[in-house]
PDB file of N, CA and C in Angstrom:
ATOM      1  N   UNK A   1     -43.060  59.445 175.407  1.00  0.00           N
ATOM      2  CA  UNK A   1     -44.315  59.340 176.129  1.00  0.00           C
ATOM      3  C   UNK A   1     -44.003  59.301 177.629  1.00  0.00           C
ATOM      4  N   UNK A   2     -44.649  60.148 178.412  1.00  0.00           N
ATOM      5  CA  UNK A   2     -44.429  60.105 179.854  1.00  0.00           C
ATOM      6  C   UNK A   2     -44.799  58.731 180.435  1.00  0.00           C
ATOM      7  N   UNK A   3     -44.185  58.400 181.541  1.00  0.00           N
ATOM      8  CA  UNK A   3     -44.350  57.083 182.144  1.00  0.00           C
ATOM      9  C   UNK A   3     -45.811  56.780 182.457  1.00  0.00           C
ATOM     10  N   UNK A   4     -46.536  57.726 183.032  1.00  0.00           N
ATOM     11  CA  UNK A   4     -47.932  57.469 183.400  1.00  0.00           C
ATOM     12  C   UNK A   4     -48.774  57.085 182.192  1.00  0.00           C
ATOM     13  N   UNK A   5     -48.540  57.732 181.066  1.00  0.00           N
ATOM     14  CA  UNK A   5     -49.311  57.421 179.861  1.00  0.00           C
ATOM     15  C   UNK A   5     -48.946  56.041 179.331  1.00  0.00           C
ATOM     16  N   UNK A   6     -47.668  55.705 179.376  1.00  0.00           N
ATOM     17  CA  UNK A   6     -47.226  54.387 178.916  1.00  0.00           C
ATOM     18  C   UNK A   6     -47.802  53.291 179.809  1.00  0.00           C
ATOM     19  N   UNK A   7     -47.785  53.504 181.116  1.00  0.00           N
ATOM     20  CA  UNK A   7     -48.338  52.519 182.051  1.00  0.00           C
ATOM     21  C   UNK A   7     -49.843  52.371 181.861  1.00  0.00           C
ATOM     22  N   UNK A   8     -50.532  53.481 181.593  1.00  0.00           N
ATOM     23  CA  UNK A   8     -51.968  53.418 181.342  1.00  0.00           C
ATOM     24  C   UNK A   8     -52.251  52.623 180.075  1.00  0.00           C
ATOM     25  N   UNK A   9     -51.461  52.839 179.044  1.00  0.00           N
ATOM     26  CA  UNK A   9     -51.651  52.094 177.800  1.00  0.00           C
ATOM     27  C   UNK A   9     -51.410  50.603 178.017  1.00  0.00           C
ATOM     28  N   UNK A  10     -50.388  50.264 178.799  1.00  0.00           N
ATOM     29  CA  UNK A  10     -50.121  48.855 179.109  1.00  0.00           C
ATOM     30  C   UNK A  10     -51.276  48.252 179.910  1.00  0.00           C
ATOM     31  N   UNK A  11     -51.836  49.020 180.847  1.00  0.00           N
ATOM     32  CA  UNK A  11     -52.978  48.553 181.632  1.00  0.00           C
ATOM     33  C   UNK A  11     -54.180  48.313 180.729  1.00  0.00           C
ATOM     34  N   UNK A  12     -54.413  49.222 179.802  1.00  0.00           N
ATOM     35  CA  UNK A  12     -55.531  49.069 178.869  1.00  0.00           C
ATOM     36  C   UNK A  12     -55.358  47.817 178.011  1.00  0.00           C
ATOM     37  N   UNK A  13     -54.146  47.562 177.553  1.00  0.00           N
ATOM     38  CA  UNK A  13     -53.888  46.365 176.752  1.00  0.00           C
ATOM     39  C   UNK A  13     -54.110  45.099 177.571  1.00  0.00           C
ATOM     40  N   UNK A  14     -53.720  45.123 178.846  1.00  0.00           N
ATOM     41  CA  UNK A  14     -53.928  43.938 179.684  1.00  0.00           C
ATOM     42  C   UNK A  14     -55.422  43.700 179.910  1.00  0.00           C
ATOM     43  N   UNK A  15     -56.202  44.769 180.003  1.00  0.00           N
ATOM     44  CA  UNK A  15     -57.654  44.618 180.119  1.00  0.00           C
ATOM     45  C   UNK A  15     -58.232  43.970 178.860  1.00  0.00           C
ATOM     46  N   UNK A  16     -57.731  44.358 177.709  1.00  0.00           N
ATOM     47  CA  UNK A  16     -58.207  43.770 176.460  1.00  0.00           C
ATOM     48  C   UNK A  16     -57.908  42.277 176.398  1.00  0.00           C
ATOM     49  N   UNK A  17     -56.725  41.889 176.865  1.00  0.00           N
ATOM     50  CA  UNK A  17     -56.361  40.473 176.870  1.00  0.00           C
ATOM     51  C   UNK A  17     -57.264  39.701 177.820  1.00  0.00           C
ATOM     52  N   UNK A  18     -57.478  40.232 179.017  1.00  0.00           N
ATOM     53  CA  UNK A  18     -58.346  39.571 179.993  1.00  0.00           C
ATOM     54  C   UNK A  18     -59.764  39.426 179.442  1.00  0.00           C
ATOM     55  N   UNK A  19     -60.273  40.456 178.800  1.00  0.00           N
ATOM     56  CA  UNK A  19     -61.624  40.396 178.239  1.00  0.00           C
ATOM     57  C   UNK A  19     -61.713  39.396 177.099  1.00  0.00           C
ATOM     58  N   UNK A  20     -60.649  39.279 176.329  1.00  0.00           N
ATOM     59  CA  UNK A  20     -60.634  38.335 175.211  1.00  0.00           C
ATOM     60  C   UNK A  20     -60.782  36.895 175.704  1.00  0.00           C
ATOM     61  N   UNK A  21     -60.250  36.606 176.895  1.00  0.00           N
ATOM     62  CA  UNK A  21     -60.319  35.267 177.463  1.00  0.00           C
ATOM     63  C   UNK A  21     -61.539  35.070 178.363  1.00  0.00           C
ATOM     64  N   UNK A  22     -62.415  36.061 178.416  1.00  0.00           N
ATOM     65  CA  UNK A  22     -63.646  35.992 179.211  1.00  0.00           C
ATOM     66  C   UNK A  22     -63.391  35.631 180.669  1.00  0.00           C
ATOM     67  N   UNK A  23     -62.414  36.260 181.266  1.00  0.00           N
ATOM     68  CA  UNK A  23     -62.092  36.029 182.669  1.00  0.00           C
ATOM     69  C   UNK A  23     -63.014  36.901 183.520  1.00  0.00           C
ATOM     70  N   UNK A  24     -63.638  36.293 184.526  1.00  0.00           N
ATOM     71  CA  UNK A  24     -64.596  37.055 185.333  1.00  0.00           C
ATOM     72  C   UNK A  24     -63.973  37.676 186.584  1.00  0.00           C
ATOM     73  N   UNK A  25     -62.909  37.056 187.086  1.00  0.00           N
ATOM     74  CA  UNK A  25     -62.232  37.583 188.270  1.00  0.00           C
ATOM     75  C   UNK A  25     -60.781  37.835 187.904  1.00  0.00           C
ATOM     76  N   UNK A  26     -60.298  39.040 188.212  1.00  0.00           N
ATOM     77  CA  UNK A  26     -58.931  39.383 187.822  1.00  0.00           C
ATOM     78  C   UNK A  26     -58.260  40.236 188.880  1.00  0.00           C
ATOM     79  N   UNK A  27     -56.943  40.102 188.921  1.00  0.00           N
ATOM     80  CA  UNK A  27     -56.130  40.961 189.772  1.00  0.00           C
ATOM     81  C   UNK A  27     -55.033  41.529 188.885  1.00  0.00           C
ATOM     82  N   UNK A  28     -54.964  42.826 188.825  1.00  0.00           N
ATOM     83  CA  UNK A  28     -53.955  43.505 188.032  1.00  0.00           C
ATOM     84  C   UNK A  28     -52.921  44.095 188.976  1.00  0.00           C
ATOM     85  N   UNK A  29     -51.663  43.906 188.625  1.00  0.00           N
ATOM     86  CA  UNK A  29     -50.580  44.451 189.431  1.00  0.00           C
ATOM     87  C   UNK A  29     -49.754  45.395 188.592  1.00  0.00           C
ATOM     88  N   UNK A  30     -49.279  46.445 189.215  1.00  0.00           N
ATOM     89  CA  UNK A  30     -48.396  47.390 188.554  1.00  0.00           C
ATOM     90  C   UNK A  30     -47.327  47.826 189.541  1.00  0.00           C
ATOM     91  N   UNK A  31     -46.145  48.093 189.013  1.00  0.00           N
ATOM     92  CA  UNK A  31     -45.084  48.594 189.874  1.00  0.00           C
ATOM     93  C   UNK A  31     -45.090  50.118 189.911  1.00  0.00           C
ATOM     94  N   UNK A  32     -46.113  50.726 189.318  1.00  0.00           N
ATOM     95  CA  UNK A  32     -46.203  52.178 189.255  1.00  0.00           C
ATOM     96  C   UNK A  32     -47.327  52.646 190.177  1.00  0.00           C
ATOM     97  N   UNK A  33     -46.943  53.077 191.380  1.00  0.00           N
ATOM     98  CA  UNK A  33     -47.912  53.412 192.428  1.00  0.00           C
ATOM     99  C   UNK A  33     -48.880  54.508 192.005  1.00  0.00           C
ATOM    100  N   UNK A  34     -48.411  55.479 191.250  1.00  0.00           N
ATOM    101  CA  UNK A  34     -49.274  56.582 190.840  1.00  0.00           C
ATOM    102  C   UNK A  34     -50.462  56.079 190.014  1.00  0.00           C
ATOM    103  N   UNK A  35     -50.203  55.167 189.089  1.00  0.00           N
ATOM    104  CA  UNK A  35     -51.294  54.628 188.269  1.00  0.00           C
ATOM    105  C   UNK A  35     -52.259  53.824 189.134  1.00  0.00           C
ATOM    106  N   UNK A  36     -51.729  52.992 190.011  1.00  0.00           N
ATOM    107  CA  UNK A  36     -52.585  52.184 190.889  1.00  0.00           C
ATOM    108  C   UNK A  36     -53.479  53.088 191.721  1.00  0.00           C
ATOM    109  N   UNK A  37     -52.915  54.133 192.297  1.00  0.00           N
ATOM    110  CA  UNK A  37     -53.713  55.062 193.104  1.00  0.00           C
ATOM    111  C   UNK A  37     -54.759  55.780 192.270  1.00  0.00           C
ATOM    112  N   UNK A  38     -54.387  56.186 191.075  1.00  0.00           N
ATOM    113  CA  UNK A  38     -55.355  56.892 190.217  1.00  0.00           C
ATOM    114  C   UNK A  38     -56.497  55.970 189.786  1.00  0.00           C
ATOM    115  N   UNK A  39     -56.179  54.715 189.482  1.00  0.00           N
ATOM    116  CA  UNK A  39     -57.226  53.759 189.088  1.00  0.00           C
ATOM    117  C   UNK A  39     -58.135  53.466 190.272  1.00  0.00           C
ATOM    118  N   UNK A  40     -57.545  53.237 191.433  1.00  0.00           N
ATOM    119  CA  UNK A  40     -58.353  52.929 192.616  1.00  0.00           C
ATOM    120  C   UNK A  40     -59.185  54.114 193.093  1.00  0.00           C
ATOM    121  N   UNK A  41     -58.782  55.334 192.726  1.00  0.00           N
ATOM    122  CA  UNK A  41     -59.529  56.537 193.106  1.00  0.00           C
ATOM    123  C   UNK A  41     -60.154  57.206 191.889  1.00  0.00           C
ATOM    124  N   UNK A  42     -60.531  56.399 190.912  1.00  0.00           N
ATOM    125  CA  UNK A  42     -61.075  56.961 189.676  1.00  0.00           C
ATOM    126  C   UNK A  42     -62.313  57.811 189.946  1.00  0.00           C
ATOM    127  N   UNK A  43     -62.491  58.799 189.111  1.00  0.00           N
ATOM    128  CA  UNK A  43     -63.611  59.705 189.257  1.00  0.00           C
ATOM    129  C   UNK A  43     -63.295  60.934 190.089  1.00  0.00           C
ATOM    130  N   UNK A  44     -62.149  60.921 190.764  1.00  0.00           N
ATOM    131  CA  UNK A  44     -61.763  62.049 191.613  1.00  0.00           C
ATOM    132  C   UNK A  44     -60.701  62.928 190.965  1.00  0.00           C
ATOM    133  N   UNK A  45     -60.120  62.445 189.888  1.00  0.00           N
ATOM    134  CA  UNK A  45     -59.034  63.152 189.212  1.00  0.00           C
ATOM    135  C   UNK A  45     -59.615  63.884 188.004  1.00  0.00           C
ATOM    136  N   UNK A  46     -59.490  65.214 187.973  1.00  0.00           N
ATOM    137  CA  UNK A  46     -60.100  65.991 186.889  1.00  0.00           C
ATOM    138  C   UNK A  46     -59.097  66.351 185.787  1.00  0.00           C
ATOM    139  N   UNK A  47     -57.909  65.752 185.828  1.00  0.00           N
ATOM    140  CA  UNK A  47     -56.914  66.024 184.791  1.00  0.00           C
ATOM    141  C   UNK A  47     -57.250  65.239 183.531  1.00  0.00           C
ATOM    142  N   UNK A  48     -56.534  65.521 182.453  1.00  0.00           N
ATOM    143  CA  UNK A  48     -56.731  64.777 181.204  1.00  0.00           C
ATOM    144  C   UNK A  48     -56.412  63.307 181.424  1.00  0.00           C
ATOM    145  N   UNK A  49     -55.320  63.033 182.142  1.00  0.00           N
ATOM    146  CA  UNK A  49     -54.967  61.647 182.443  1.00  0.00           C
ATOM    147  C   UNK A  49     -56.065  60.984 183.265  1.00  0.00           C
ATOM    148  N   UNK A  50     -56.600  61.692 184.237  1.00  0.00           N
ATOM    149  CA  UNK A  50     -57.685  61.154 185.056  1.00  0.00           C
ATOM    150  C   UNK A  50     -58.906  60.809 184.231  1.00  0.00           C
ATOM    151  N   UNK A  51     -59.236  61.647 183.269  1.00  0.00           N
ATOM    152  CA  UNK A  51     -60.363  61.382 182.382  1.00  0.00           C
ATOM    153  C   UNK A  51     -60.105  60.137 181.542  1.00  0.00           C
ATOM    154  N   UNK A  52     -58.877  59.985 181.036  1.00  0.00           N
ATOM    155  CA  UNK A  52     -58.526  58.797 180.247  1.00  0.00           C
ATOM    156  C   UNK A  52     -58.587  57.539 181.106  1.00  0.00           C
ATOM    157  N   UNK A  53     -58.152  57.640 182.352  1.00  0.00           N
ATOM    158  CA  UNK A  53     -58.231  56.498 183.270  1.00  0.00           C
ATOM    159  C   UNK A  53     -59.685  56.109 183.495  1.00  0.00           C
ATOM    160  N   UNK A  54     -60.553  57.100 183.650  1.00  0.00           N
ATOM    161  CA  UNK A  54     -61.983  56.812 183.827  1.00  0.00           C
ATOM    162  C   UNK A  54     -62.541  56.062 182.628  1.00  0.00           C
ATOM    163  N   UNK A  55     -62.125  56.452 181.418  1.00  0.00           N
ATOM    164  CA  UNK A  55     -62.591  55.774 180.203  1.00  0.00           C
ATOM    165  C   UNK A  55     -62.089  54.339 180.149  1.00  0.00           C
ATOM    166  N   UNK A  56     -60.820  54.137 180.469  1.00  0.00           N
ATOM    167  CA  UNK A  56     -60.244  52.792 180.465  1.00  0.00           C
ATOM    168  C   UNK A  56     -60.925  51.921 181.515  1.00  0.00           C
ATOM    169  N   UNK A  57     -61.209  52.497 182.673  1.00  0.00           N
ATOM    170  CA  UNK A  57     -61.784  51.734 183.783  1.00  0.00           C
ATOM    171  C   UNK A  57     -63.235  51.324 183.534  1.00  0.00           C
ATOM    172  N   UNK A  58     -63.864  51.871 182.529  1.00  0.00           N
ATOM    173  CA  UNK A  58     -65.217  51.409 182.170  1.00  0.00           C
ATOM    174  C   UNK A  58     -65.187  49.936 181.771  1.00  0.00           C
ATOM    175  N   UNK A  59     -64.030  49.477 181.296  1.00  0.00           N
ATOM    176  CA  UNK A  59     -63.878  48.071 180.927  1.00  0.00           C
ATOM    177  C   UNK A  59     -63.885  47.160 182.156  1.00  0.00           C
ATOM    178  N   UNK A  60     -63.617  47.719 183.334  1.00  0.00           N
ATOM    179  CA  UNK A  60     -63.612  46.927 184.563  1.00  0.00           C
ATOM    180  C   UNK A  60     -65.006  46.427 184.928  1.00  0.00           C
ATOM    181  N   UNK A  61     -66.033  47.076 184.391  1.00  0.00           N
ATOM    182  CA  UNK A  61     -67.410  46.685 184.693  1.00  0.00           C
ATOM    183  C   UNK A  61     -67.742  45.309 184.138  1.00  0.00           C
ATOM    184  N   UNK A  62     -66.958  44.825 183.190  1.00  0.00           N
ATOM    185  CA  UNK A  62     -67.190  43.515 182.578  1.00  0.00           C
ATOM    186  C   UNK A  62     -66.776  42.367 183.495  1.00  0.00           C
ATOM    187  N   UNK A  63     -66.019  42.666 184.533  1.00  0.00           N
ATOM    188  CA  UNK A  63     -65.545  41.646 185.456  1.00  0.00           C
ATOM    189  C   UNK A  63     -66.475  41.521 186.653  1.00  0.00           C
ATOM    190  N   UNK A  64     -66.579  40.321 187.200  1.00  0.00           N
ATOM    191  CA  UNK A  64     -67.340  40.128 188.431  1.00  0.00           C
ATOM    192  C   UNK A  64     -66.570  40.660 189.630  1.00  0.00           C
ATOM    193  N   UNK A  65     -65.256  40.465 189.602  1.00  0.00           N
ATOM    194  CA  UNK A  65     -64.399  40.887 190.695  1.00  0.00           C
ATOM    195  C   UNK A  65     -63.062  41.352 190.128  1.00  0.00           C
ATOM    196  N   UNK A  66     -62.627  42.536 190.546  1.00  0.00           N
ATOM    197  CA  UNK A  66     -61.368  43.093 190.061  1.00  0.00           C
ATOM    198  C   UNK A  66     -60.626  43.733 191.222  1.00  0.00           C
ATOM    199  N   UNK A  67     -59.307  43.511 191.250  1.00  0.00           N
ATOM    200  CA  UNK A  67     -58.471  44.181 192.230  1.00  0.00           C
ATOM    201  C   UNK A  67     -57.275  44.757 191.488  1.00  0.00           C
ATOM    202  N   UNK A  68     -56.952  45.993 191.793  1.00  0.00           N
ATOM    203  CA  UNK A  68     -55.787  46.662 191.228  1.00  0.00           C
ATOM    204  C   UNK A  68     -54.817  46.878 192.389  1.00  0.00           C
ATOM    205  N   UNK A  69     -53.607  46.346 192.258  1.00  0.00           N
ATOM    206  CA  UNK A  69     -52.662  46.419 193.375  1.00  0.00           C
ATOM    207  C   UNK A  69     -51.284  46.845 192.902  1.00  0.00           C
ATOM    208  N   UNK A  70     -50.566  47.465 193.823  1.00  0.00           N
ATOM    209  CA  UNK A  70     -49.177  47.821 193.561  1.00  0.00           C
ATOM    210  C   UNK A  70     -48.310  46.628 193.925  1.00  0.00           C
ATOM    211  N   UNK A  71     -47.346  46.316 193.083  1.00  0.00           N
ATOM    212  CA  UNK A  71     -46.408  45.220 193.352  1.00  0.00           C
ATOM    213  C   UNK A  71     -45.011  45.700 193.011  1.00  0.00           C
ATOM    214  N   UNK A  72     -44.122  45.553 193.938  1.00  0.00           N
ATOM    215  CA  UNK A  72     -42.739  45.949 193.719  1.00  0.00           C
ATOM    216  C   UNK A  72     -42.108  44.992 192.712  1.00  0.00           C
ATOM    217  N   UNK A  73     -41.664  45.512 191.579  1.00  0.00           N
ATOM    218  CA  UNK A  73     -41.121  44.660 190.523  1.00  0.00           C
ATOM    219  C   UNK A  73     -39.899  43.883 190.984  1.00  0.00           C
ATOM    220  N   UNK A  74     -39.156  44.401 191.916  1.00  0.00           N
ATOM    221  CA  UNK A  74     -37.962  43.694 192.363  1.00  0.00           C
ATOM    222  C   UNK A  74     -38.307  42.395 193.082  1.00  0.00           C
ATOM    223  N   UNK A  75     -39.546  42.249 193.555  1.00  0.00           N
ATOM    224  CA  UNK A  75     -39.978  41.019 194.203  1.00  0.00           C
ATOM    225  C   UNK A  75     -40.660  40.069 193.234  1.00  0.00           C
ATOM    226  N   UNK A  76     -40.924  40.520 192.038  1.00  0.00           N
ATOM    227  CA  UNK A  76     -41.568  39.684 191.039  1.00  0.00           C
ATOM    228  C   UNK A  76     -40.483  39.079 190.149  1.00  0.00           C
ATOM    229  N   UNK A  77     -40.060  37.884 190.474  1.00  0.00           N
ATOM    230  CA  UNK A  77     -38.937  37.267 189.780  1.00  0.00           C
ATOM    231  C   UNK A  77     -39.238  36.987 188.314  1.00  0.00           C
ATOM    232  N   UNK A  78     -40.482  36.616 188.001  1.00  0.00           N
ATOM    233  CA  UNK A  78     -40.828  36.333 186.606  1.00  0.00           C
ATOM    234  C   UNK A  78     -40.788  37.613 185.782  1.00  0.00           C
ATOM    235  N   UNK A  79     -41.416  38.663 186.277  1.00  0.00           N
ATOM    236  CA  UNK A  79     -41.404  39.930 185.542  1.00  0.00           C
ATOM    237  C   UNK A  79     -39.984  40.460 185.413  1.00  0.00           C
ATOM    238  N   UNK A  80     -39.211  40.333 186.450  1.00  0.00           N
ATOM    239  CA  UNK A  80     -37.833  40.795 186.418  1.00  0.00           C
ATOM    240  C   UNK A  80     -37.013  40.017 185.399  1.00  0.00           C
ATOM    241  N   UNK A  81     -37.211  38.693 185.347  1.00  0.00           N
ATOM    242  CA  UNK A  81     -36.495  37.867 184.370  1.00  0.00           C
ATOM    243  C   UNK A  81     -36.869  38.254 182.943  1.00  0.00           C
ATOM    244  N   UNK A  82     -38.167  38.395 182.672  1.00  0.00           N
ATOM    245  CA  UNK A  82     -38.628  38.750 181.325  1.00  0.00           C
ATOM    246  C   UNK A  82     -38.076  40.109 180.920  1.00  0.00           C
ATOM    247  N   UNK A  83     -38.127  41.058 181.841  1.00  0.00           N
ATOM    248  CA  UNK A  83     -37.615  42.397 181.564  1.00  0.00           C
ATOM    249  C   UNK A  83     -36.126  42.347 181.229  1.00  0.00           C
ATOM    250  N   UNK A  84     -35.353  41.698 182.086  1.00  0.00           N
ATOM    251  CA  UNK A  84     -33.906  41.616 181.863  1.00  0.00           C
ATOM    252  C   UNK A  84     -33.570  40.867 180.581  1.00  0.00           C
ATOM    253  N   UNK A  85     -34.289  39.765 180.324  1.00  0.00           N
ATOM    254  CA  UNK A  85     -34.036  38.972 179.118  1.00  0.00           C
ATOM    255  C   UNK A  85     -34.325  39.789 177.864  1.00  0.00           C
ATOM    256  N   UNK A  86     -35.461  40.494 177.862  1.00  0.00           N
ATOM    257  CA  UNK A  86     -35.838  41.291 176.690  1.00  0.00           C
ATOM    258  C   UNK A  86     -34.845  42.423 176.448  1.00  0.00           C
ATOM    259  N   UNK A  87     -34.413  43.082 177.500  1.00  0.00           N
ATOM    260  CA  UNK A  87     -33.449  44.172 177.353  1.00  0.00           C
ATOM    261  C   UNK A  87     -32.105  43.645 176.869  1.00  0.00           C
ATOM    262  N   UNK A  88     -31.613  42.593 177.512  1.00  0.00           N
ATOM    263  CA  UNK A  88     -30.295  42.051 177.160  1.00  0.00           C
ATOM    264  C   UNK A  88     -30.245  41.456 175.758  1.00  0.00           C
ATOM    265  N   UNK A  89     -31.354  40.889 175.295  1.00  0.00           N
ATOM    266  CA  UNK A  89     -31.380  40.240 173.984  1.00  0.00           C
ATOM    267  C   UNK A  89     -32.059  41.088 172.912  1.00  0.00           C
ATOM    268  N   UNK A  90     -32.426  42.315 173.282  1.00  0.00           N
ATOM    269  CA  UNK A  90     -33.058  43.253 172.342  1.00  0.00           C
ATOM    270  C   UNK A  90     -34.220  42.587 171.587  1.00  0.00           C
ATOM    271  N   UNK A  91     -35.132  41.993 172.353  1.00  0.00           N
ATOM    272  CA  UNK A  91     -36.235  41.280 171.715  1.00  0.00           C
ATOM    273  C   UNK A  91     -37.563  41.632 172.369  1.00  0.00           C
ATOM    274  N   UNK A  92     -38.617  41.213 171.713  1.00  0.00           N
ATOM    275  CA  UNK A  92     -39.975  41.364 172.223  1.00  0.00           C
ATOM    276  C   UNK A  92     -40.600  39.982 172.312  1.00  0.00           C
ATOM    277  N   UNK A  93     -41.379  39.751 173.337  1.00  0.00           N
ATOM    278  CA  UNK A  93     -42.141  38.514 173.465  1.00  0.00           C
ATOM    279  C   UNK A  93     -43.611  38.867 173.395  1.00  0.00           C
ATOM    280  N   UNK A  94     -44.402  37.943 172.899  1.00  0.00           N
ATOM    281  CA  UNK A  94     -45.843  38.181 172.895  1.00  0.00           C
ATOM    282  C   UNK A  94     -46.550  37.007 173.544  1.00  0.00           C
ATOM    283  N   UNK A  95     -47.857  37.108 173.691  1.00  0.00           N
ATOM    284  CA  UNK A  95     -48.611  36.094 174.411  1.00  0.00           C
ATOM    285  C   UNK A  95     -48.741  34.786 173.650  1.00  0.00           C
ATOM    286  N   UNK A  96     -48.493  34.786 172.360  1.00  0.00           N
ATOM    287  CA  UNK A  96     -48.633  33.577 171.564  1.00  0.00           C
ATOM    288  C   UNK A  96     -47.366  32.740 171.526  1.00  0.00           C
ATOM    289  N   UNK A  97     -46.410  33.082 172.345  1.00  0.00           N
ATOM    290  CA  UNK A  97     -45.108  32.439 172.294  1.00  0.00           C
ATOM    291  C   UNK A  97     -44.932  31.474 173.458  1.00  0.00           C
ATOM    292  N   UNK A  98     -44.242  30.367 173.215  1.00  0.00           N
ATOM    293  CA  UNK A  98     -43.877  29.462 174.296  1.00  0.00           C
ATOM    294  C   UNK A  98     -42.663  30.047 175.001  1.00  0.00           C
ATOM    295  N   UNK A  99     -42.806  30.308 176.272  1.00  0.00           N
ATOM    296  CA  UNK A  99     -41.714  30.900 177.025  1.00  0.00           C
ATOM    297  C   UNK A  99     -40.718  29.827 177.445  1.00  0.00           C
ATOM    298  N   UNK A 100     -39.518  30.259 177.730  1.00  0.00           N
ATOM    299  CA  UNK A 100     -38.480  29.307 178.110  1.00  0.00           C
ATOM    300  C   UNK A 100     -38.815  28.634 179.432  1.00  0.00           C
ATOM    301  N   UNK A 101     -38.196  27.487 179.678  1.00  0.00           N
ATOM    302  CA  UNK A 101     -38.450  26.745 180.907  1.00  0.00           C
ATOM    303  C   UNK A 101     -37.995  27.506 182.136  1.00  0.00           C
ATOM    304  N   UNK A 102     -37.064  28.464 181.953  1.00  0.00           N
ATOM    305  CA  UNK A 102     -36.601  29.262 183.098  1.00  0.00           C
ATOM    306  C   UNK A 102     -37.755  30.032 183.747  1.00  0.00           C
ATOM    307  N   UNK A 103     -38.678  30.498 182.933  1.00  0.00           N
ATOM    308  CA  UNK A 103     -39.827  31.244 183.468  1.00  0.00           C
ATOM    309  C   UNK A 103     -40.715  30.332 184.292  1.00  0.00           C
ATOM    310  N   UNK A 104     -40.943  29.121 183.811  1.00  0.00           N
ATOM    311  CA  UNK A 104     -41.790  28.189 184.550  1.00  0.00           C
ATOM    312  C   UNK A 104     -41.138  27.808 185.875  1.00  0.00           C
ATOM    313  N   UNK A 105     -39.835  27.717 185.903  1.00  0.00           N
ATOM    314  CA  UNK A 105     -39.107  27.425 187.139  1.00  0.00           C
ATOM    315  C   UNK A 105     -39.265  28.574 188.131  1.00  0.00           C
ATOM    316  N   UNK A 106     -39.167  29.838 187.622  1.00  0.00           N
ATOM    317  CA  UNK A 106     -39.333  30.998 188.494  1.00  0.00           C
ATOM    318  C   UNK A 106     -40.723  31.035 189.079  1.00  0.00           C
TER     319      UNK A 106
END
């Protein structure tokens, strides 16, 4: 799966989680600038990916306030730790799991 499609799917899943918790204000960050730009400029992209982004972004209407921002992953110590830990230990973590104390320290 190309990176843009994988990032879009991850963004869609994060929207589902946010909606499940009835959060009214949200900020989504991605280290993939192309996706952030496409989401922030939705409706202007006539490609298949652009159309899919428009469909996913319909879920944004459920929020009172939403911001989509680019964040350099190398500056996000928690995301970097989780990524490295999962790769090194060949494991998956989910939202129902108690994370190690190292994450809370970060």
